Protein backbone atom coordinates (compact mmCIF):
# COMPACT_ATOMS: atom_id res chain seq x y z
CA MET A 1 -15.43 4.49 -8.78
CA SER A 2 -18.31 3.36 -6.61
CA ASN A 3 -20.11 5.75 -4.09
CA ASN A 4 -19.15 2.77 -1.53
CA PRO A 5 -15.46 1.73 -1.97
CA VAL A 6 -13.39 -0.33 0.34
CA LEU A 7 -10.35 1.18 2.44
CA VAL A 8 -7.61 -2.22 2.90
CA VAL A 9 -4.77 -1.02 5.40
CA ASN A 10 -1.59 -3.27 6.06
CA SER A 11 0.08 -1.76 9.01
CA GLY A 12 3.73 -2.94 9.79
CA SER A 13 5.89 -2.09 12.40
CA SER A 14 7.62 0.99 11.08
CA SER A 15 5.57 0.91 7.68
CA ILE A 16 1.58 1.35 6.26
CA LYS A 17 0.55 0.31 2.99
CA TYR A 18 -2.81 0.72 1.91
CA ARG A 19 -5.46 1.17 -0.46
CA LEU A 20 -8.97 2.56 -1.67
CA LEU A 21 -10.62 0.23 -4.08
CA GLU A 22 -14.14 -1.03 -5.28
CA PRO A 23 -14.57 -4.56 -4.23
CA ASP A 24 -16.78 -5.45 -7.33
CA THR A 25 -14.10 -3.91 -10.05
CA GLY A 26 -11.17 -4.25 -8.54
CA ALA A 27 -10.51 -0.59 -9.26
CA VAL A 28 -7.92 1.70 -7.14
CA ALA A 29 -8.80 4.92 -6.66
CA ALA A 30 -6.00 5.79 -4.35
CA SER A 31 -3.05 3.99 -3.00
CA GLY A 32 0.08 4.15 -0.66
CA LEU A 33 2.90 3.16 1.61
CA VAL A 34 4.25 5.69 4.77
CA GLU A 35 7.49 4.81 5.76
CA ARG A 36 10.08 4.58 8.93
CA ILE A 37 7.89 5.22 10.96
CA GLY A 38 9.10 6.21 14.58
CA GLU A 39 12.27 7.44 12.67
CA PRO A 40 13.63 10.59 11.85
CA ASP A 41 13.78 9.73 8.12
CA GLY A 42 9.99 9.20 7.56
CA ALA A 43 8.35 8.99 4.11
CA ILE A 44 4.69 8.92 2.43
CA GLU A 45 4.41 8.10 -1.02
CA HIS A 46 0.92 8.55 -2.33
CA HIS A 47 -0.82 7.66 -6.03
CA GLY A 48 -4.53 9.44 -6.62
CA GLY A 49 -6.20 11.50 -8.46
CA GLY A 50 -3.80 10.54 -11.63
CA ARG A 51 -1.15 12.46 -9.48
CA THR A 52 1.82 11.19 -6.95
CA LEU A 53 2.62 13.09 -3.92
CA THR A 54 6.04 12.96 -1.94
CA GLN A 55 6.81 14.01 1.26
CA ARG A 56 9.22 13.24 4.18
CA LYS A 57 9.08 14.14 7.50
CA PRO A 58 9.54 12.28 11.15
CA ILE A 59 6.15 10.33 11.54
CA PRO A 60 6.54 9.58 15.40
CA ASP A 61 3.55 6.82 15.01
CA HIS A 62 1.24 5.29 13.18
CA THR A 63 -2.16 7.67 14.41
CA ALA A 64 0.32 10.46 13.19
CA GLY A 65 1.25 8.05 9.67
CA LEU A 66 -2.41 7.37 9.01
CA GLN A 67 -3.76 11.11 9.87
CA LEU A 68 -0.95 12.01 7.03
CA ALA A 69 -2.03 9.43 4.15
CA PHE A 70 -5.41 11.15 5.23
CA ALA A 71 -4.63 14.17 4.53
CA LYS A 72 -2.97 13.11 1.13
CA PHE A 73 -6.26 10.75 0.44
CA ALA A 74 -8.19 14.81 0.32
CA GLU A 75 -5.27 16.44 -1.70
CA THR A 76 -5.66 14.28 -4.54
CA GLY A 77 -9.64 14.44 -4.09
CA HIS A 78 -11.16 11.29 -2.01
CA ASP A 79 -11.56 12.98 1.33
CA LEU A 80 -11.97 9.55 3.52
CA ALA A 81 -14.88 11.60 5.51
CA ASP A 82 -17.28 12.07 2.40
CA ALA A 83 -15.86 8.79 0.18
CA GLY A 84 -18.87 7.36 1.60
CA ILE A 85 -16.24 4.07 2.71
CA ARG A 86 -18.47 1.06 3.57
CA VAL A 87 -15.83 -1.01 5.29
CA VAL A 88 -12.31 -0.94 6.53
CA GLY A 89 -10.40 -4.28 6.18
CA HIS A 90 -7.11 -5.05 7.71
CA ARG A 91 -4.48 -7.35 7.56
CA VAL A 92 -3.68 -8.79 10.67
CA VAL A 93 -0.88 -11.91 9.98
CA HIS A 94 -1.95 -14.40 13.20
CA GLY A 95 -5.11 -15.27 14.26
CA GLY A 96 -3.97 -18.45 16.48
CA GLU A 97 -7.10 -20.85 16.72
CA VAL A 98 -8.81 -17.85 17.63
CA PHE A 99 -9.58 -16.32 14.57
CA TYR A 100 -9.93 -18.39 11.46
CA ARG A 101 -12.45 -16.18 9.19
CA PRO A 102 -12.79 -12.54 8.85
CA THR A 103 -13.48 -11.01 11.53
CA LEU A 104 -15.54 -7.58 12.80
CA ILE A 105 -13.68 -5.51 15.37
CA ASP A 106 -14.21 -4.72 18.03
CA ASP A 107 -12.41 -4.06 21.82
CA ARG A 108 -12.19 -7.22 22.23
CA VAL A 109 -10.69 -8.37 19.00
CA VAL A 110 -8.09 -5.71 19.30
CA THR A 111 -7.38 -7.29 22.31
CA THR A 112 -6.56 -10.79 21.47
CA ILE A 113 -4.16 -9.50 18.29
CA ARG A 114 -2.42 -8.30 21.00
CA GLU A 115 -2.38 -11.34 23.03
CA LEU A 116 -0.95 -13.44 19.74
CA SER A 117 1.90 -11.19 19.64
CA SER A 118 3.95 -14.09 21.08
CA LEU A 119 3.29 -16.31 18.02
CA ALA A 120 3.84 -12.87 15.69
CA PRO A 121 6.25 -10.85 17.38
CA LEU A 122 7.35 -8.76 14.47
CA HIS A 123 3.48 -8.92 13.02
CA ASN A 124 0.76 -8.48 15.34
CA PRO A 125 1.18 -5.72 17.62
CA ALA A 126 1.52 -3.39 14.69
CA ASN A 127 -1.55 -4.76 13.07
CA ALA A 128 -2.71 -4.09 16.32
CA LEU A 129 -1.51 -0.35 16.50
CA GLY A 130 -2.62 0.06 12.91
CA ILE A 131 -6.54 -0.90 13.79
CA GLU A 132 -6.30 1.73 16.76
CA ALA A 133 -5.40 4.34 14.81
CA VAL A 134 -7.99 4.14 11.62
CA ARG A 135 -10.44 3.30 14.77
CA THR A 136 -9.96 6.82 16.16
CA LEU A 137 -9.83 8.15 12.83
CA LEU A 138 -12.39 6.96 11.21
CA PRO A 139 -15.05 5.76 14.56
CA ASP A 140 -18.17 5.77 12.50
CA ILE A 141 -17.06 2.39 9.76
CA PRO A 142 -17.09 -0.85 10.44
CA GLN A 143 -13.86 -2.06 10.61
CA VAL A 144 -12.94 -6.32 9.81
CA ALA A 145 -9.85 -7.92 10.32
CA VAL A 146 -8.72 -10.67 7.54
CA PHE A 147 -5.84 -13.17 9.39
CA ASP A 148 -3.08 -15.01 7.00
CA THR A 149 -3.50 -17.49 8.99
CA ALA A 150 -7.20 -18.23 7.74
CA PHE A 151 -6.87 -20.08 5.28
CA PHE A 152 -4.87 -23.01 6.48
CA HIS A 153 -7.05 -23.19 9.66
CA ASN A 154 -8.42 -26.55 8.95
CA LEU A 155 -5.07 -27.92 7.46
CA PRO A 156 -5.43 -32.36 8.10
CA ASP A 157 -4.20 -33.58 11.83
CA ALA A 158 -0.91 -35.08 9.81
CA ALA A 159 0.39 -31.66 8.62
CA LYS A 160 -0.37 -29.39 11.00
CA THR A 161 0.60 -31.18 13.56
CA TYR A 162 4.37 -31.17 14.68
CA ALA A 163 6.22 -34.16 16.53
CA ILE A 164 7.21 -33.02 19.62
CA ASP A 165 5.49 -33.68 23.39
CA ALA A 166 1.67 -33.25 22.27
CA GLU A 167 0.38 -31.63 25.99
CA VAL A 168 3.36 -28.94 25.39
CA ALA A 169 2.53 -28.77 21.63
CA ASP A 170 -1.32 -28.09 23.30
CA THR A 171 -0.64 -26.01 26.07
CA HIS A 172 1.42 -23.41 24.00
CA GLY A 173 -0.80 -23.66 20.56
CA ILE A 174 1.88 -25.17 18.42
CA ARG A 175 1.16 -26.73 15.38
CA ARG A 176 2.26 -25.45 11.59
CA TYR A 177 -0.36 -22.13 10.94
CA GLY A 178 0.99 -21.42 7.44
CA PHE A 179 1.20 -17.45 6.15
CA HIS A 180 0.08 -15.65 3.07
CA GLY A 181 -2.93 -17.74 3.14
CA THR A 182 -4.85 -14.56 2.02
CA SER A 183 -2.35 -14.40 -1.24
CA HIS A 184 -2.99 -18.30 -1.94
CA GLU A 185 -6.72 -18.06 -1.46
CA TYR A 186 -6.78 -15.51 -4.29
CA VAL A 187 -4.54 -16.55 -6.69
CA SER A 188 -5.65 -20.55 -6.92
CA GLY A 189 -9.23 -19.42 -7.41
CA ARG A 190 -8.01 -17.52 -10.15
CA ALA A 191 -6.05 -20.08 -11.45
CA ALA A 192 -8.96 -22.66 -11.33
CA GLN A 193 -10.81 -20.01 -13.80
CA LEU A 194 -7.96 -19.50 -16.32
CA VAL A 195 -8.18 -22.77 -16.62
CA GLY A 196 -11.48 -23.26 -17.06
CA ARG A 197 -12.58 -25.66 -13.97
CA ALA A 198 -13.96 -25.19 -10.78
CA ALA A 199 -11.82 -24.93 -7.72
CA GLU A 200 -13.09 -28.11 -6.31
CA SER A 201 -11.60 -30.38 -9.46
CA VAL A 202 -8.18 -29.10 -9.47
CA ASN A 203 -5.57 -29.96 -7.70
CA GLN A 204 -2.67 -27.02 -6.87
CA ILE A 205 0.38 -26.04 -5.82
CA VAL A 206 0.99 -22.40 -5.64
CA PHE A 207 4.71 -20.72 -4.75
CA HIS A 208 4.09 -17.37 -3.74
CA LEU A 209 7.82 -15.82 -3.52
CA GLY A 210 8.87 -12.21 -2.56
CA ASN A 211 11.10 -11.44 0.06
CA GLY A 212 8.45 -13.55 2.03
CA ALA A 213 7.85 -16.78 0.47
CA SER A 214 5.79 -19.86 0.82
CA ALA A 215 4.22 -22.88 -1.42
CA SER A 216 1.05 -24.30 -1.09
CA ALA A 217 -0.70 -27.81 -1.92
CA ILE A 218 -3.95 -26.93 -2.59
CA ARG A 219 -6.66 -30.06 -2.93
CA GLY A 220 -10.04 -29.86 -4.48
CA GLY A 221 -9.77 -26.03 -3.37
CA ARG A 222 -8.89 -27.31 0.09
CA PRO A 223 -5.46 -26.24 1.65
CA VAL A 224 -3.22 -29.58 2.29
CA ASP A 225 0.09 -28.59 3.39
CA THR A 226 1.93 -25.30 3.26
CA THR A 227 5.73 -24.67 3.88
CA MET A 228 5.67 -22.14 6.75
CA GLY A 229 4.27 -23.23 10.28
CA LEU A 230 3.85 -22.00 13.59
CA THR A 231 5.82 -18.43 12.58
CA PRO A 232 6.55 -17.33 9.48
CA LEU A 233 10.30 -18.85 9.55
CA GLU A 234 9.53 -22.44 8.18
CA GLY A 235 10.16 -23.43 5.11
CA LEU A 236 11.38 -22.13 1.89
CA VAL A 237 14.74 -19.70 1.60
CA MET A 238 13.33 -15.87 1.68
CA GLY A 239 15.40 -12.83 1.38
CA THR A 240 16.06 -12.50 4.93
CA ARG A 241 14.70 -16.11 6.68
CA SER A 242 16.13 -19.13 6.74
CA GLY A 243 13.49 -21.51 6.30
CA ASP A 244 13.56 -24.61 7.21
CA LEU A 245 16.86 -25.73 8.96
CA ASP A 246 18.03 -28.16 11.79
CA PRO A 247 16.71 -27.07 14.87
CA GLY A 248 19.61 -28.43 16.84
CA ILE A 249 21.07 -25.26 15.09
CA ILE A 250 19.94 -23.24 17.97
CA PRO A 251 21.20 -24.62 21.09
CA HIS A 252 24.81 -25.31 19.27
CA LEU A 253 24.73 -21.65 18.43
CA MET A 254 24.23 -20.66 22.30
CA ARG A 255 26.62 -23.28 23.63
CA THR A 256 29.58 -22.21 20.86
CA ALA A 257 28.96 -18.99 19.81
CA GLY A 258 27.25 -17.29 23.01
CA LEU A 259 24.62 -16.26 21.23
CA ASP A 260 20.84 -15.62 23.63
CA ILE A 261 17.19 -16.38 22.07
CA ASP A 262 17.18 -12.80 20.56
CA ASP A 263 20.23 -12.87 18.57
CA ILE A 264 19.28 -16.27 17.11
CA ASP A 265 16.09 -14.70 16.57
CA ARG A 266 17.41 -11.48 15.38
CA LEU A 267 20.19 -14.02 12.71
CA LEU A 268 17.24 -16.06 11.59
CA ASN A 269 14.74 -13.38 10.81
CA ARG A 270 16.56 -10.70 9.49
CA ASP A 271 20.51 -11.68 8.77
CA SER A 272 19.99 -15.13 7.03
CA GLY A 273 18.08 -16.30 3.80
CA LEU A 274 19.80 -14.73 0.73
CA ARG A 275 20.93 -11.57 2.43
CA GLY A 276 22.78 -14.09 5.15
CA MET A 277 24.12 -16.27 1.95
CA ALA A 278 24.79 -13.29 -0.58
CA GLY A 279 24.65 -9.70 1.37
CA VAL A 280 21.27 -8.75 -0.56
CA ASN A 281 17.79 -9.74 -0.29
CA ASP A 282 16.95 -8.07 -3.34
CA PHE A 283 16.72 -10.44 -6.50
CA ARG A 284 17.06 -7.98 -8.59
CA GLU A 285 20.22 -7.56 -7.07
CA LEU A 286 21.49 -10.81 -6.71
CA ARG A 287 20.81 -11.39 -10.33
CA ARG A 288 23.46 -8.18 -10.87
CA LEU A 289 25.88 -10.13 -8.85
CA ILE A 290 25.53 -13.58 -10.80
CA GLY A 291 25.54 -11.68 -13.61
CA GLU A 292 29.31 -10.28 -12.42
CA GLY A 293 30.37 -14.07 -11.69
CA ASP A 294 30.21 -13.44 -7.48
CA ARG A 295 30.53 -17.14 -5.97
CA ALA A 296 28.51 -15.94 -2.94
CA ALA A 297 25.31 -15.22 -4.63
CA ARG A 298 25.12 -18.05 -6.99
CA LEU A 299 25.39 -20.52 -4.33
CA ALA A 300 22.50 -18.43 -2.64
CA TYR A 301 20.43 -18.75 -5.82
CA ASP A 302 21.03 -22.48 -6.29
CA VAL A 303 20.22 -22.89 -2.74
CA TYR A 304 16.54 -20.95 -3.16
CA ILE A 305 16.22 -23.34 -5.91
CA HIS A 306 16.96 -26.28 -4.53
CA ARG A 307 14.47 -25.44 -1.54
CA LEU A 308 11.98 -24.60 -4.22
CA ARG A 309 12.14 -28.21 -6.09
CA ARG A 310 12.00 -30.06 -2.87
CA TYR A 311 8.84 -28.95 -1.89
CA LEU A 312 7.54 -29.11 -5.61
CA GLY A 313 8.66 -32.73 -5.75
CA ALA A 314 6.82 -33.23 -1.62
CA TYR A 315 3.50 -31.24 -3.07
CA LEU A 316 3.59 -33.68 -6.43
CA VAL A 317 3.72 -36.88 -3.95
CA GLY A 318 1.41 -35.53 -1.82
CA LEU A 319 -1.17 -34.62 -4.08
CA GLY A 320 -1.05 -37.51 -5.97
CA ALA A 321 -1.97 -35.58 -9.47
CA VAL A 322 -1.17 -32.38 -9.92
CA ASP A 323 -3.36 -30.26 -12.43
CA VAL A 324 -1.99 -26.44 -12.03
CA ILE A 325 1.44 -24.82 -10.64
CA THR A 326 1.20 -21.34 -10.48
CA PHE A 327 3.28 -18.67 -9.48
CA THR A 328 2.93 -14.85 -8.04
CA ALA A 329 4.60 -12.37 -5.64
CA GLY A 330 7.21 -9.98 -6.63
CA VAL A 331 9.75 -13.24 -7.44
CA GLY A 332 7.39 -15.50 -9.01
CA GLU A 333 5.49 -12.93 -11.10
CA ASN A 334 9.39 -11.10 -12.17
CA ALA A 335 11.69 -13.52 -12.28
CA PRO A 336 11.47 -15.95 -15.19
CA ASP A 337 14.75 -18.10 -14.41
CA VAL A 338 13.27 -18.96 -11.28
CA ARG A 339 10.65 -20.28 -12.59
CA ALA A 340 12.27 -22.18 -15.72
CA ASP A 341 15.02 -23.51 -13.18
CA THR A 342 12.72 -24.69 -10.61
CA LEU A 343 10.74 -27.07 -13.00
CA ALA A 344 13.81 -27.44 -15.15
CA GLY A 345 13.57 -31.48 -16.22
CA LEU A 346 10.37 -32.55 -15.13
CA SER A 347 8.35 -33.52 -18.79
CA ARG A 348 8.17 -36.96 -17.59
CA PHE A 349 5.98 -35.56 -15.19
CA GLY A 350 3.94 -33.26 -17.36
CA ILE A 351 5.74 -30.67 -16.04
CA ALA A 352 7.27 -28.14 -19.22
CA VAL A 353 7.69 -24.36 -19.28
CA ASP A 354 7.65 -22.72 -22.33
CA PRO A 355 10.52 -20.16 -23.14
CA GLU A 356 9.02 -17.77 -24.86
CA ARG A 357 5.56 -17.53 -22.90
CA ASN A 358 7.69 -17.30 -19.71
CA THR A 359 10.33 -14.49 -20.90
CA ALA A 360 7.06 -12.62 -22.50
CA GLU A 361 7.11 -9.39 -21.23
CA ASP A 362 3.37 -9.62 -19.88
CA ARG A 363 2.17 -8.73 -16.41
CA SER A 364 -0.92 -10.07 -16.55
CA ALA A 365 -2.46 -13.36 -15.37
CA ARG A 366 -1.65 -15.97 -17.97
CA PHE A 367 0.03 -19.41 -18.94
CA ILE A 368 3.48 -20.37 -19.32
CA SER A 369 3.54 -24.06 -19.94
CA PRO A 370 3.32 -24.92 -23.77
CA PRO A 371 -0.59 -25.37 -25.26
CA ASP A 372 -0.59 -29.21 -24.95
CA ALA A 373 1.28 -28.94 -21.63
CA GLU A 374 -0.68 -32.04 -18.96
CA VAL A 375 0.20 -29.72 -16.19
CA ALA A 376 -0.91 -25.81 -16.83
CA VAL A 377 1.53 -23.56 -15.53
CA LEU A 378 0.73 -19.98 -14.59
CA VAL A 379 1.80 -16.85 -13.58
CA VAL A 380 -1.13 -15.02 -11.66
CA PRO A 381 -0.52 -12.04 -9.83
CA THR A 382 -1.43 -11.79 -6.62
CA ASN A 383 -4.11 -9.25 -4.85
CA GLU A 384 -4.27 -9.40 -1.45
CA GLU A 385 -6.16 -6.12 -0.86
CA LEU A 386 -8.64 -7.05 -3.02
CA ALA A 387 -9.71 -10.71 -1.21
CA ILE A 388 -9.28 -8.54 1.61
CA ALA A 389 -11.65 -6.21 0.48
CA ARG A 390 -14.04 -8.31 -0.36
CA ALA A 391 -13.86 -10.83 2.43
CA ALA A 392 -14.29 -7.34 4.62
CA VAL A 393 -17.65 -6.70 2.69
CA ALA A 394 -18.80 -10.10 2.77
CA VAL A 395 -18.51 -9.87 7.07
CA ALA A 396 -20.22 -6.20 7.18
CA GLU A 397 -22.70 -7.27 4.78
CA ARG A 398 -23.82 -10.64 6.94
CA THR A 399 -23.55 -8.12 10.27
CA ARG A 400 -25.83 -5.17 8.78
CA ALA A 401 -28.41 -8.32 7.69
CA THR A 402 -28.36 -9.81 11.46
CA ASP A 403 -28.78 -6.54 12.80
CA SER A 404 -31.61 -5.23 10.46
CA ASP A 405 -33.49 -8.49 11.14
CA MET A 406 -32.86 -8.08 14.74
CA ARG A 407 -34.44 -4.96 14.67
CA ALA A 408 -37.25 -6.21 12.43
CA SER A 409 -37.71 -9.13 14.90
CA SER A 410 -37.85 -6.43 18.06
CA THR A 411 -40.50 -4.15 16.44
CA ASP A 412 -42.79 -7.09 15.72
CA GLU A 413 -42.73 -7.91 19.26
CA ARG A 414 -43.43 -4.67 20.84
CA SER A 415 -46.13 -4.45 17.94
CA ALA A 416 -47.47 -8.07 19.34
CA GLY A 417 -48.36 -6.36 22.14
CA PRO A 418 -48.09 -8.67 25.73
CA ALA A 419 -48.89 -12.50 24.89
CA ALA A 420 -52.29 -14.07 25.82
């Protein structure tokens, strides 16, 4: 492990994921998950130094959760106070129109992240809590926010614009922002490497399929469309989110079911998707139910695949020609049936899945298309933490170089004395 590792923190509403890693090689020194913050049955699972430490205890807030994580680092031989951390990278979900590149964190940045909470009420407040807690515990380490929406900031106008009153949209920041951007950017870059071509010469479709799910169309290294919109609710069917639906359903439910806006928000974000249709949001459980003949589970799976194929078709047309299709994240990496069913019957488009490659017990980045396929189909494990670490280092090094130049300039001016 390098003497200058990076700590990556992903702070959720009731959890904190963290990883200490070497940004050049990707080697992980330690990682962990703090869960159920604010509940009596809080827990932590920490991996480091060849050991796994678990503990259950009440964790009242994010600062307490991070203090517990820091204690586990010390127990496994990675005392963060002496680890030589060069920078802390934080995942932040929504940057709005304000943040569209990795940003050095100061008080103003934290305040603005909080102000953007209206666009991501489930995520940004928790992201800000994690940032503030780490700034308290590691006050002398530079910290950088890396935004989920940044990769999609420059979507073409036709792709990012909603067909509503333009003044309303402008006043309230309504546009397609897109999410999972760090993953889409990392995976598309790795995919280009695997096919041996520069990203600028490759047209790609990326399916990030986890409990949250999104797809993107990428032309020459730049995204031209994505499924998630103003919020992470739009697009594909997800574990607990509905994805696309007729917006008229919302006033219909308000009128006929007596639901208020909070009820509907909870319904669409937490009680829809696979959970709403089949009662489970874990794909392993869904498969088990299908194997037992559960009709609701079978329908949920069919709806899930139908939505994937709908966007696949749209992006094939939008790009005109596709070189690579890549699957990533929990479901994308571990569900060969989803990959096969999404791409079934598309040989006339040069798209095919090799059954043996697709079902092989292999967790590395790999091809699952036949060797002679016109379109490369890949599985690429995502590594958002590594991407965040590298982005954070780049910001920290630029800032350090700028500060050094300014100090040198100031010294030169003083040495030269007053102007003649």
